[in-house]
Amino acid sequence: MGQTLFVPREVLEGEGRVAASPDTVKRLLGLGFEVIVEAGAGAGSRLADAEFEKAGARLGKAGDAGGADVILKVRRPTREELAGYRKGALVLAMMDPFGHEGEVAAMARAGVVGFAMELMPRITRAQSMDVLSSQANLAGYRAVIDAAAEYDRALPMMMTAAGTVPAAKVFVMGAGVAGLQAIATARRLGAVVTATDVRAAAGEQVASLGAKFVMTDALKDASGEGGYARELTEEEKRAQAELIAGHIAKQDIVITTALIPGRPAPRLVTAPMVASMRAGSVIVDLAVERGGNVEGAQAGSVVVTDNGVKIVGHVNVAGRVAASASLLYARNLFAFLETLVDKEKKQLAVDWEDELVKATLLTRDGAVVHPRLVEAAAAAEGADDEARAGGRRRRAAPAGARGASRKPATRKSRGEN
């Protein structure tokens, strides 16, 4: 029998995506895998169990993860899930490792070989594996749909016998994958669109979509590695803020998309800028899960300011288009997993020196191995060890001894938040 691949149902509340589709199940079978899909895994993406069975998968339960050689997920496995995985299993998912080094260390302790799909290098060979692009495309689209739903006016210009309805003015901040899709979607809906980015090369892409590019002369270019933007200097931040402050007050809808990998989201829209906007205006912050581009944004909420501006902070925006997002994400996973398999022998054959493997590998042989995470994960692991040791000491100490020497510890003094 070939090696086993398991696709679990996501346990994070509100996550409707799934890491496989009937199409990729057929392809995985062709690589020699026995494919097990947990019952109900595709329900949030309108993929019925019967569709997976028809494609050749076997329906299973969460406990089947324990016998799997490969586990495909959308989100990083929880510690509870890791307890049911076998050592040496390959786990492919969007791991969100930065800022969650303790969870990465937990993966290492569990002995799994963890790959972070969002760390895939942006090179030609890996385009079909780029989960950030596939998911950001849908997030950019959904951001405009969410903005239109909150906006109480029409987006396109409408000329009627009763008068003319002016087109909405939409301002997109950040012209990466999500931003460009937001521009394209807003244009299709008939809005007048402007956009800004700190990378000068983005200007041509913005113009090609029929939008106007806005950029301060004080900022020549802030392109960084891998197509991302670098962090701005203080002088550049001031110049960009002055430009935005003057422009944003005239906008009906603002969509912010700026992220710097491994760092908190840059603050682009301040409270005074929000206060300058008209009542009924809408801001959608796609970076809210990383701290937000917009002052006052709250993850998972739509905030209405005192001056009547709505700040939309939906989380997992790509997951709000789960049926489409899952199909794309499943193909991303298959494209990468295919490179880890010997197609003649139909067996896993990971080339640890492959640039794609080295870029995405987080944990192996019980250790955190990604160079950007080793030190932080070790510190997080040390803190975990200290907390566990403290818990053992508290449980071992006689109740009288705990009470005789000091007052009962509060939740905060025991390190519980």
Foldseek 3Di string as FASTA:
>chain_A
DFAEEEWEADPDPPQQATQAALVVLLVLVLLVYAYEYEAPNNVSQVGHPVSNVVSPHHYDHLLCQCRHQEYEGAEADDLVSLVSHAANREYEYQYLCQVPLQSLLSNLQSRYWYFHLCLFFPDPLQPLQHLCLLLLLLLLLLLLVVQCVLFPFQAAWDQDPVGIDHHFEEEEEAQDNSRLSNLLNSVVSHHAYEYEYLAPVSQVSSVVSVHHYDDFPVRPGQADPRRAGDDDDPVRLVRLLVSCLVVLLPGQEYEYDADDPSAAGAARAEPVSQVSHAASGEYEWQRVVRVTNYPPDHACDWDQDPRRYTYHHYPSSSSVNRNSSNVSSNSSVSSVQVVQGDSVVSHGHHDCPDPRNLSTTQHHRSAGDNPVSRVVSVVSVVVVVVLVVLVVVVVPDDPCVCPPPDHDDDCVNSVHD
